[in-house]
Amino acid sequence: GGHESSSAAWFLLTRAVLAAHLLTCFWVHLQTQQEVKMRMMGMALRVVRTDGVLALYNGLSASLCRQMTYSLTRFAIYETARDHLGRGSQGPPPFYQKVLLGAVGGFTGGFVGTPADMVNVRMQNDVKQPGCARPLSAEGLKKLFSGATMASSRGALVTVGQLSCYDQAKQLVLTTGLLSDNIFTHFLASFIAGGCATFLCQPLDVLKTRLMNSQGEYRGVVHCAMETAKLGPLAFYKGFVPAAIRLIPHTVLTFVFLEQLRKYFGIKVVT
């Protein structure tokens, strides 16, 4: 019983990580196109034909490293501070405080995770620029923090969208009295949070990926934004569908597993 449940949970979690990374690969390729030339499946088929199926998993180790630095930092800051405020006020903190905590935690996590994120983007994008991308070892330590401002800003927005909006959505759902604190409530709140995070982050995601993958053609964030704007307003939402498909299930799985772990270890959260 318990062994089968643990095995099933590990199987689902492993598949979720691999699926999220696969969609991230599509997303990076779509965002770094200078013109809208192909859709998600077209890009996938092109990568497979050119470099094989395993090319879709380029950068998997860097992606896991990024999660261990970026996500660990933002969750630790947000949850620790939120629980401290909740204990002090004997109730959940107001939404504006959750947003502030999410922004601080996400900004810090984004900066900490930038080097691994940079390596991840470069490993995924090199397959469509064979021989053109310079090795990071030749570009110096500074290159590892290329786009750190955008990565930190994106981290702040995605953490507000995921953690702050999840807590608030869960609180509102429970307040109605129609649902109890069960897995359906967790699914509903995390689905809403994933949608909020995708909407908030997509423009910054596009700029961040372009800056990280640049070979010196952009003078800074403003210049990158201006060059992207020349392609039209929708250029800031390139890869939106794979981003949503990637981020919403990722958010749902994250909080469903997190809530089950809280229940298993007896961790109480003020809601």
C-alpha atoms as a PDB file:
ATOM      1  CA  GLY A   1       0.000   0.000   0.000  1.00  0.00           C
ATOM      2  CA  GLY A   2       2.404   2.709   1.188  1.00  0.00           C
ATOM      3  CA  HIS A   3       5.200   1.489  -1.085  1.00  0.00           C
ATOM      4  CA  GLU A   4       2.918   1.450  -4.138  1.00  0.00           C
ATOM      5  CA  SER A   5       1.667   4.981  -3.328  1.00  0.00           C
ATOM      6  CA  SER A   6       5.216   6.301  -2.968  1.00  0.00           C
ATOM      7  CA  SER A   7       6.263   4.624  -6.226  1.00  0.00           C
ATOM      8  CA  ALA A   8       3.254   6.054  -8.061  1.00  0.00           C
ATOM      9  CA  ALA A   9       3.914   9.549  -6.697  1.00  0.00           C
ATOM     10  CA  TRP A  10       7.582   9.366  -7.729  1.00  0.00           C
ATOM     11  CA  PHE A  11       6.585   8.123 -11.202  1.00  0.00           C
ATOM     12  CA  LEU A  12       4.168  11.029 -11.707  1.00  0.00           C
ATOM     13  CA  LEU A  13       6.612  13.598 -10.347  1.00  0.00           C
ATOM     14  CA  THR A  14       9.423  12.340 -12.613  1.00  0.00           C
ATOM     15  CA  ARG A  15       7.182  12.489 -15.668  1.00  0.00           C
ATOM     16  CA  ALA A  16       6.031  15.982 -14.676  1.00  0.00           C
ATOM     17  CA  VAL A  17       9.643  17.248 -14.450  1.00  0.00           C
ATOM     18  CA  LEU A  18      10.551  15.754 -17.833  1.00  0.00           C
ATOM     19  CA  ALA A  19       7.392  17.113 -19.469  1.00  0.00           C
ATOM     20  CA  ALA A  20       7.994  20.581 -18.026  1.00  0.00           C
ATOM     21  CA  HIS A  21      11.568  20.568 -19.323  1.00  0.00           C
ATOM     22  CA  LEU A  22      10.433  19.419 -22.771  1.00  0.00           C
ATOM     23  CA  LEU A  23       7.948  22.297 -23.002  1.00  0.00           C
ATOM     24  CA  THR A  24      10.602  24.704 -21.746  1.00  0.00           C
ATOM     25  CA  CYS A  25      12.798  23.641 -24.645  1.00  0.00           C
ATOM     26  CA  PHE A  26      10.017  24.436 -27.147  1.00  0.00           C
ATOM     27  CA  TRP A  27       9.397  27.744 -25.355  1.00  0.00           C
ATOM     28  CA  VAL A  28      13.051  28.851 -25.544  1.00  0.00           C
ATOM     29  CA  HIS A  29      13.269  28.020 -29.242  1.00  0.00           C
ATOM     30  CA  LEU A  30      10.059  29.891 -30.039  1.00  0.00           C
ATOM     31  CA  GLN A  31      11.030  32.986 -28.044  1.00  0.00           C
ATOM     32  CA  THR A  32      14.447  33.361 -29.670  1.00  0.00           C
ATOM     33  CA  GLN A  33      13.091  33.382 -33.214  1.00  0.00           C
ATOM     34  CA  GLN A  34      13.426  36.819 -34.796  1.00  0.00           C
ATOM     35  CA  GLU A  35      10.273  36.233 -36.826  1.00  0.00           C
ATOM     36  CA  VAL A  36       7.254  34.032 -36.297  1.00  0.00           C
ATOM     37  CA  LYS A  37       8.159  31.271 -38.743  1.00  0.00           C
ATOM     38  CA  MET A  38       6.746  28.131 -37.131  1.00  0.00           C
ATOM     39  CA  ARG A  39       4.462  26.912 -34.427  1.00  0.00           C
ATOM     40  CA  MET A  40       5.210  24.713 -31.446  1.00  0.00           C
ATOM     41  CA  MET A  41       4.907  21.355 -33.249  1.00  0.00           C
ATOM     42  CA  GLY A  42       6.838  22.644 -36.260  1.00  0.00           C
ATOM     43  CA  MET A  43       9.732  23.645 -34.027  1.00  0.00           C
ATOM     44  CA  ALA A  44       9.611  20.284 -32.250  1.00  0.00           C
ATOM     45  CA  LEU A  45       9.734  18.362 -35.525  1.00  0.00           C
ATOM     46  CA  ARG A  46      12.587  20.518 -36.793  1.00  0.00           C
ATOM     47  CA  VAL A  47      14.669  19.885 -33.654  1.00  0.00           C
ATOM     48  CA  VAL A  48      13.995  16.132 -33.807  1.00  0.00           C
ATOM     49  CA  ARG A  49      14.847  15.902 -37.523  1.00  0.00           C
ATOM     50  CA  THR A  50      18.014  17.939 -37.146  1.00  0.00           C
ATOM     51  CA  ASP A  51      19.432  16.715 -33.851  1.00  0.00           C
ATOM     52  CA  GLY A  52      17.358  13.741 -32.702  1.00  0.00           C
ATOM     53  CA  VAL A  53      14.841  13.170 -29.918  1.00  0.00           C
ATOM     54  CA  LEU A  54      17.406  13.592 -27.141  1.00  0.00           C
ATOM     55  CA  ALA A  55      17.999  17.189 -28.264  1.00  0.00           C
ATOM     56  CA  LEU A  56      14.602  18.035 -26.759  1.00  0.00           C
ATOM     57  CA  TYR A  57      16.156  17.330 -23.359  1.00  0.00           C
ATOM     58  CA  ASN A  58      19.273  19.466 -23.792  1.00  0.00           C
ATOM     59  CA  GLY A  59      19.947  21.370 -20.601  1.00  0.00           C
ATOM     60  CA  LEU A  60      18.006  19.008 -18.319  1.00  0.00           C
ATOM     61  CA  SER A  61      20.787  18.972 -15.711  1.00  0.00           C
ATOM     62  CA  ALA A  62      20.978  22.782 -15.775  1.00  0.00           C
ATOM     63  CA  SER A  63      17.190  22.973 -15.487  1.00  0.00           C
ATOM     64  CA  LEU A  64      17.233  20.784 -12.372  1.00  0.00           C
ATOM     65  CA  CYS A  65      20.080  22.857 -10.912  1.00  0.00           C
ATOM     66  CA  ARG A  66      18.074  26.032 -11.513  1.00  0.00           C
ATOM     67  CA  GLN A  67      15.079  24.594  -9.695  1.00  0.00           C
ATOM     68  CA  MET A  68      17.264  23.676  -6.723  1.00  0.00           C
ATOM     69  CA  THR A  69      18.588  27.245  -6.466  1.00  0.00           C
ATOM     70  CA  TYR A  70      15.771  29.474  -7.722  1.00  0.00           C
ATOM     71  CA  SER A  71      12.723  27.644  -6.337  1.00  0.00           C
ATOM     72  CA  LEU A  72      14.340  26.696  -3.034  1.00  0.00           C
ATOM     73  CA  THR A  73      15.251  30.327  -2.330  1.00  0.00           C
ATOM     74  CA  ARG A  74      11.906  31.892  -3.228  1.00  0.00           C
ATOM     75  CA  PHE A  75       9.806  29.298  -1.412  1.00  0.00           C
ATOM     76  CA  ALA A  76      11.969  29.500   1.698  1.00  0.00           C
ATOM     77  CA  ILE A  77      11.774  33.309   1.908  1.00  0.00           C
ATOM     78  CA  TYR A  78       8.067  33.560   1.127  1.00  0.00           C
ATOM     79  CA  GLU A  79       6.797  30.750   3.339  1.00  0.00           C
ATOM     80  CA  THR A  80       9.001  31.601   6.310  1.00  0.00           C
ATOM     81  CA  ALA A  81       7.990  35.275   6.278  1.00  0.00           C
ATOM     82  CA  ARG A  82       4.305  34.507   5.621  1.00  0.00           C
ATOM     83  CA  ASP A  83       4.103  32.033   8.488  1.00  0.00           C
ATOM     84  CA  HIS A  84       5.828  34.533  10.798  1.00  0.00           C
ATOM     85  CA  LEU A  85       3.302  37.249   9.904  1.00  0.00           C
ATOM     86  CA  GLY A  86       0.431  34.784  10.258  1.00  0.00           C
ATOM     87  CA  ARG A  87       1.474  33.757  13.751  1.00  0.00           C
ATOM     88  CA  GLY A  88       1.850  37.389  14.792  1.00  0.00           C
ATOM     89  CA  SER A  89      -1.617  38.440  13.608  1.00  0.00           C
ATOM     90  CA  GLN A  90      -3.392  35.148  14.420  1.00  0.00           C
ATOM     91  CA  GLY A  91      -4.703  35.065  10.873  1.00  0.00           C
ATOM     92  CA  PRO A  92      -3.564  35.106   7.234  1.00  0.00           C
ATOM     93  CA  PRO A  93      -1.692  38.257   6.205  1.00  0.00           C
ATOM     94  CA  PRO A  94      -3.499  40.609   3.818  1.00  0.00           C
ATOM     95  CA  PHE A  95      -3.006  40.153   0.090  1.00  0.00           C
ATOM     96  CA  TYR A  96      -0.727  43.171  -0.319  1.00  0.00           C
ATOM     97  CA  GLN A  97       1.704  41.663   2.203  1.00  0.00           C
ATOM     98  CA  LYS A  98       1.625  38.361   0.321  1.00  0.00           C
ATOM     99  CA  VAL A  99       2.408  40.224  -2.896  1.00  0.00           C
ATOM    100  CA  LEU A 100       5.300  42.059  -1.232  1.00  0.00           C
ATOM    101  CA  LEU A 101       6.718  38.827   0.209  1.00  0.00           C
ATOM    102  CA  GLY A 102       6.335  37.092  -3.138  1.00  0.00           C
ATOM    103  CA  ALA A 103       8.135  39.909  -4.925  1.00  0.00           C
ATOM    104  CA  VAL A 104      11.060  39.928  -2.466  1.00  0.00           C
ATOM    105  CA  GLY A 105      11.405  36.153  -2.404  1.00  0.00           C
ATOM    106  CA  GLY A 106      11.070  35.832  -6.168  1.00  0.00           C
ATOM    107  CA  PHE A 107      13.532  38.631  -6.903  1.00  0.00           C
ATOM    108  CA  THR A 108      16.138  37.041  -4.643  1.00  0.00           C
ATOM    109  CA  GLY A 109      15.529  33.566  -6.049  1.00  0.00           C
ATOM    110  CA  GLY A 110      15.728  34.857  -9.609  1.00  0.00           C
ATOM    111  CA  PHE A 111      19.161  36.345  -8.987  1.00  0.00           C
ATOM    112  CA  VAL A 112      20.468  33.213  -7.249  1.00  0.00           C
ATOM    113  CA  GLY A 113      19.198  31.000 -10.067  1.00  0.00           C
ATOM    114  CA  THR A 114      20.475  33.127 -12.967  1.00  0.00           C
ATOM    115  CA  PRO A 115      23.745  31.216 -13.641  1.00  0.00           C
ATOM    116  CA  ALA A 116      21.964  27.860 -13.948  1.00  0.00           C
ATOM    117  CA  ASP A 117      19.212  29.488 -16.018  1.00  0.00           C
ATOM    118  CA  MET A 118      21.795  30.998 -18.369  1.00  0.00           C
ATOM    119  CA  VAL A 119      23.435  27.606 -18.905  1.00  0.00           C
ATOM    120  CA  ASN A 120      20.026  26.026 -19.444  1.00  0.00           C
ATOM    121  CA  VAL A 121      19.025  28.508 -22.161  1.00  0.00           C
ATOM    122  CA  ARG A 122      22.401  28.236 -23.899  1.00  0.00           C
ATOM    123  CA  MET A 123      22.353  24.428 -23.897  1.00  0.00           C
ATOM    124  CA  GLN A 124      18.840  24.358 -25.367  1.00  0.00           C
ATOM    125  CA  ASN A 125      19.438  27.033 -27.978  1.00  0.00           C
ATOM    126  CA  ASP A 126      22.832  25.821 -29.207  1.00  0.00           C
ATOM    127  CA  VAL A 127      21.165  23.016 -31.140  1.00  0.00           C
ATOM    128  CA  LYS A 128      19.766  25.520 -33.632  1.00  0.00           C
ATOM    129  CA  GLN A 129      23.041  27.479 -33.906  1.00  0.00           C
ATOM    130  CA  PRO A 130      25.650  24.728 -34.350  1.00  0.00           C
ATOM    131  CA  GLY A 131      29.151  26.079 -34.079  1.00  0.00           C
ATOM    132  CA  CYS A 132      28.018  29.662 -33.574  1.00  0.00           C
ATOM    133  CA  ALA A 133      27.554  29.899 -29.826  1.00  0.00           C
ATOM    134  CA  ARG A 134      30.667  30.627 -27.798  1.00  0.00           C
ATOM    135  CA  PRO A 135      31.391  28.397 -24.814  1.00  0.00           C
ATOM    136  CA  LEU A 136      30.643  29.998 -21.480  1.00  0.00           C
ATOM    137  CA  SER A 137      34.164  29.230 -20.290  1.00  0.00           C
ATOM    138  CA  ALA A 138      35.486  31.680 -22.882  1.00  0.00           C
ATOM    139  CA  GLU A 139      33.026  34.422 -21.952  1.00  0.00           C
ATOM    140  CA  GLY A 140      33.829  34.730 -18.260  1.00  0.00           C
ATOM    141  CA  LEU A 141      31.881  34.666 -15.006  1.00  0.00           C
ATOM    142  CA  LYS A 142      30.050  37.890 -15.835  1.00  0.00           C
ATOM    143  CA  LYS A 143      28.273  36.166 -18.729  1.00  0.00           C
ATOM    144  CA  LEU A 144      26.666  33.735 -16.278  1.00  0.00           C
ATOM    145  CA  PHE A 145      24.742  36.686 -14.818  1.00  0.00           C
ATOM    146  CA  SER A 146      23.689  38.042 -18.206  1.00  0.00           C
ATOM    147  CA  GLY A 147      20.043  39.052 -17.930  1.00  0.00           C
ATOM    148  CA  ALA A 148      20.097  38.866 -14.127  1.00  0.00           C
ATOM    149  CA  THR A 149      17.878  41.955 -13.873  1.00  0.00           C
ATOM    150  CA  MET A 150      15.248  40.397 -16.096  1.00  0.00           C
ATOM    151  CA  ALA A 151      15.569  37.003 -14.386  1.00  0.00           C
ATOM    152  CA  SER A 152      15.111  38.591 -10.954  1.00  0.00           C
ATOM    153  CA  SER A 153      12.160  40.671 -12.142  1.00  0.00           C
ATOM    154  CA  ARG A 154      10.620  37.597 -13.707  1.00  0.00           C
ATOM    155  CA  GLY A 155      11.206  35.676 -10.487  1.00  0.00           C
ATOM    156  CA  ALA A 156       9.348  38.364  -8.567  1.00  0.00           C
ATOM    157  CA  LEU A 157       6.375  38.259 -10.941  1.00  0.00           C
ATOM    158  CA  VAL A 158       6.120  34.478 -11.162  1.00  0.00           C
ATOM    159  CA  THR A 159       6.327  34.163  -7.376  1.00  0.00           C
ATOM    160  CA  VAL A 160       3.575  36.734  -6.949  1.00  0.00           C
ATOM    161  CA  GLY A 161       1.533  34.870  -9.554  1.00  0.00           C
ATOM    162  CA  GLN A 162       2.177  31.438  -8.087  1.00  0.00           C
ATOM    163  CA  LEU A 163       2.644  31.690  -4.323  1.00  0.00           C
ATOM    164  CA  SER A 164       0.785  34.900  -3.464  1.00  0.00           C
ATOM    165  CA  CYS A 165      -2.137  34.238  -5.806  1.00  0.00           C
ATOM    166  CA  TYR A 166      -2.313  30.586  -4.739  1.00  0.00           C
ATOM    167  CA  ASP A 167      -2.618  31.501  -1.072  1.00  0.00           C
ATOM    168  CA  GLN A 168      -5.178  34.190  -1.845  1.00  0.00           C
ATOM    169  CA  ALA A 169      -7.207  31.979  -4.202  1.00  0.00           C
ATOM    170  CA  LYS A 170      -7.209  29.155  -1.657  1.00  0.00           C
ATOM    171  CA  GLN A 171      -8.290  31.566   1.078  1.00  0.00           C
ATOM    172  CA  LEU A 172     -11.161  32.915  -1.054  1.00  0.00           C
ATOM    173  CA  VAL A 173     -12.337  29.430  -2.033  1.00  0.00           C
ATOM    174  CA  LEU A 174     -12.355  28.282   1.591  1.00  0.00           C
ATOM    175  CA  THR A 175     -14.145  31.470   2.677  1.00  0.00           C
ATOM    176  CA  THR A 176     -17.134  30.611   0.470  1.00  0.00           C
ATOM    177  CA  GLY A 177     -17.734  27.491   2.551  1.00  0.00           C
ATOM    178  CA  LEU A 178     -18.560  25.513  -0.599  1.00  0.00           C
ATOM    179  CA  LEU A 179     -15.321  23.534  -0.503  1.00  0.00           C
ATOM    180  CA  SER A 180     -13.149  22.186   2.272  1.00  0.00           C
ATOM    181  CA  ASP A 181      -9.356  22.106   2.422  1.00  0.00           C
ATOM    182  CA  ASN A 182      -9.033  19.123   0.077  1.00  0.00           C
ATOM    183  CA  ILE A 183      -7.192  18.189  -3.094  1.00  0.00           C
ATOM    184  CA  PHE A 184      -9.859  19.718  -5.367  1.00  0.00           C
ATOM    185  CA  THR A 185      -9.446  23.074  -3.617  1.00  0.00           C
ATOM    186  CA  HIS A 186      -5.684  22.791  -4.027  1.00  0.00           C
ATOM    187  CA  PHE A 187      -6.122  21.991  -7.728  1.00  0.00           C
ATOM    188  CA  LEU A 188      -8.512  24.891  -8.324  1.00  0.00           C
ATOM    189  CA  ALA A 189      -6.370  27.447  -6.460  1.00  0.00           C
ATOM    190  CA  SER A 190      -3.160  26.307  -8.147  1.00  0.00           C
ATOM    191  CA  PHE A 191      -4.781  26.374 -11.599  1.00  0.00           C
ATOM    192  CA  ILE A 192      -5.803  29.996 -11.017  1.00  0.00           C
ATOM    193  CA  ALA A 193      -2.308  30.798  -9.737  1.00  0.00           C
ATOM    194  CA  GLY A 194      -0.677  29.203 -12.788  1.00  0.00           C
ATOM    195  CA  GLY A 195      -2.812  31.308 -15.114  1.00  0.00           C
ATOM    196  CA  CYS A 196      -1.954  34.493 -13.203  1.00  0.00           C
ATOM    197  CA  ALA A 197       1.758  33.668 -13.286  1.00  0.00           C
ATOM    198  CA  THR A 198       1.736  33.010 -17.031  1.00  0.00           C
ATOM    199  CA  PHE A 199      -0.081  36.263 -17.770  1.00  0.00           C
ATOM    200  CA  LEU A 200       2.268  38.324 -15.605  1.00  0.00           C
ATOM    201  CA  CYS A 201       5.519  36.775 -16.744  1.00  0.00           C
ATOM    202  CA  GLN A 202       5.325  36.170 -20.466  1.00  0.00           C
ATOM    203  CA  PRO A 203       6.598  39.585 -21.681  1.00  0.00           C
ATOM    204  CA  LEU A 204       9.545  39.458 -19.282  1.00  0.00           C
ATOM    205  CA  ASP A 205      10.220  35.828 -20.203  1.00  0.00           C
ATOM    206  CA  VAL A 206      10.629  36.790 -23.844  1.00  0.00           C
ATOM    207  CA  LEU A 207      13.038  39.636 -23.039  1.00  0.00           C
ATOM    208  CA  LYS A 208      14.999  37.548 -20.532  1.00  0.00           C
ATOM    209  CA  THR A 209      15.507  34.702 -22.994  1.00  0.00           C
ATOM    210  CA  ARG A 210      16.615  37.065 -25.754  1.00  0.00           C
ATOM    211  CA  LEU A 211      19.125  38.784 -23.449  1.00  0.00           C
ATOM    212  CA  MET A 212      20.540  35.498 -22.197  1.00  0.00           C
ATOM    213  CA  ASN A 213      20.937  34.152 -25.716  1.00  0.00           C
ATOM    214  CA  SER A 214      22.352  37.353 -27.217  1.00  0.00           C
ATOM    215  CA  GLN A 215      25.804  37.584 -28.704  1.00  0.00           C
ATOM    216  CA  GLY A 216      26.156  41.300 -27.957  1.00  0.00           C
ATOM    217  CA  GLU A 217      23.454  42.632 -30.287  1.00  0.00           C
ATOM    218  CA  TYR A 218      21.501  44.245 -27.434  1.00  0.00           C
ATOM    219  CA  ARG A 219      22.861  47.194 -25.457  1.00  0.00           C
ATOM    220  CA  GLY A 220      20.546  46.545 -22.531  1.00  0.00           C
ATOM    221  CA  VAL A 221      17.024  45.739 -21.421  1.00  0.00           C
ATOM    222  CA  VAL A 222      15.475  48.859 -22.979  1.00  0.00           C
ATOM    223  CA  HIS A 223      17.199  48.255 -26.311  1.00  0.00           C
ATOM    224  CA  CYS A 224      16.075  44.622 -26.283  1.00  0.00           C
ATOM    225  CA  ALA A 225      12.489  45.700 -25.563  1.00  0.00           C
ATOM    226  CA  MET A 226      12.575  48.258 -28.380  1.00  0.00           C
ATOM    227  CA  GLU A 227      13.918  45.742 -30.889  1.00  0.00           C
ATOM    228  CA  THR A 228      11.305  43.202 -29.846  1.00  0.00           C
ATOM    229  CA  ALA A 229       8.548  45.815 -30.090  1.00  0.00           C
ATOM    230  CA  LYS A 230       9.445  46.374 -33.751  1.00  0.00           C
ATOM    231  CA  LEU A 231       8.055  42.912 -34.441  1.00  0.00           C
ATOM    232  CA  GLY A 232       4.669  43.943 -33.058  1.00  0.00           C
ATOM    233  CA  PRO A 233       2.896  43.719 -29.680  1.00  0.00           C
ATOM    234  CA  LEU A 234       2.391  39.969 -29.979  1.00  0.00           C
ATOM    235  CA  ALA A 235       6.159  39.497 -30.111  1.00  0.00           C
ATOM    236  CA  PHE A 236       6.156  39.859 -26.330  1.00  0.00           C
ATOM    237  CA  TYR A 237       3.859  36.836 -26.133  1.00  0.00           C
ATOM    238  CA  LYS A 238       5.760  34.484 -28.419  1.00  0.00           C
ATOM    239  CA  GLY A 239       5.529  30.972 -27.077  1.00  0.00           C
ATOM    240  CA  PHE A 240       2.583  31.884 -24.835  1.00  0.00           C
ATOM    241  CA  VAL A 241       0.763  28.574 -25.402  1.00  0.00           C
ATOM    242  CA  PRO A 242       3.723  26.318 -24.518  1.00  0.00           C
ATOM    243  CA  ALA A 243       4.496  28.673 -21.618  1.00  0.00           C
ATOM    244  CA  ALA A 244       0.953  28.233 -20.275  1.00  0.00           C
ATOM    245  CA  ILE A 245       0.998  24.482 -20.897  1.00  0.00           C
ATOM    246  CA  ARG A 246       4.314  24.333 -19.079  1.00  0.00           C
ATOM    247  CA  LEU A 247       3.624  26.690 -16.161  1.00  0.00           C
ATOM    248  CA  ILE A 248       0.021  25.825 -15.249  1.00  0.00           C
ATOM    249  CA  PRO A 249       0.557  22.051 -14.835  1.00  0.00           C
ATOM    250  CA  HIS A 250       3.877  22.792 -13.123  1.00  0.00           C
ATOM    251  CA  THR A 251       2.074  25.070 -10.651  1.00  0.00           C
ATOM    252  CA  VAL A 252      -0.738  22.564 -10.092  1.00  0.00           C
ATOM    253  CA  LEU A 253       1.649  19.666  -9.452  1.00  0.00           C
ATOM    254  CA  THR A 254       3.861  21.798  -7.208  1.00  0.00           C
ATOM    255  CA  PHE A 255       1.065  22.816  -4.853  1.00  0.00           C
ATOM    256  CA  VAL A 256      -0.809  19.503  -4.920  1.00  0.00           C
ATOM    257  CA  PHE A 257       2.384  17.708  -3.855  1.00  0.00           C
ATOM    258  CA  LEU A 258       3.264  20.488  -1.395  1.00  0.00           C
ATOM    259  CA  GLU A 259      -0.137  20.296   0.294  1.00  0.00           C
ATOM    260  CA  GLN A 260       0.120  16.514   0.569  1.00  0.00           C
ATOM    261  CA  LEU A 261       3.568  16.854   2.135  1.00  0.00           C
ATOM    262  CA  ARG A 262       2.202  19.439   4.580  1.00  0.00           C
ATOM    263  CA  LYS A 263      -0.594  17.051   5.522  1.00  0.00           C
ATOM    264  CA  TYR A 264       1.790  14.110   5.888  1.00  0.00           C
ATOM    265  CA  PHE A 265       4.217  16.028   8.124  1.00  0.00           C
ATOM    266  CA  GLY A 266       1.501  17.832  10.086  1.00  0.00           C
ATOM    267  CA  ILE A 267       2.454  21.343   8.948  1.00  0.00           C
ATOM    268  CA  LYS A 268      -0.360  23.847   9.519  1.00  0.00           C
ATOM    269  CA  VAL A 269      -0.748  26.958   7.362  1.00  0.00           C
ATOM    270  CA  VAL A 270      -3.005  29.810   8.496  1.00  0.00           C
ATOM    271  CA  THR A 271      -5.677  30.310   5.811  1.00  0.00           C
END
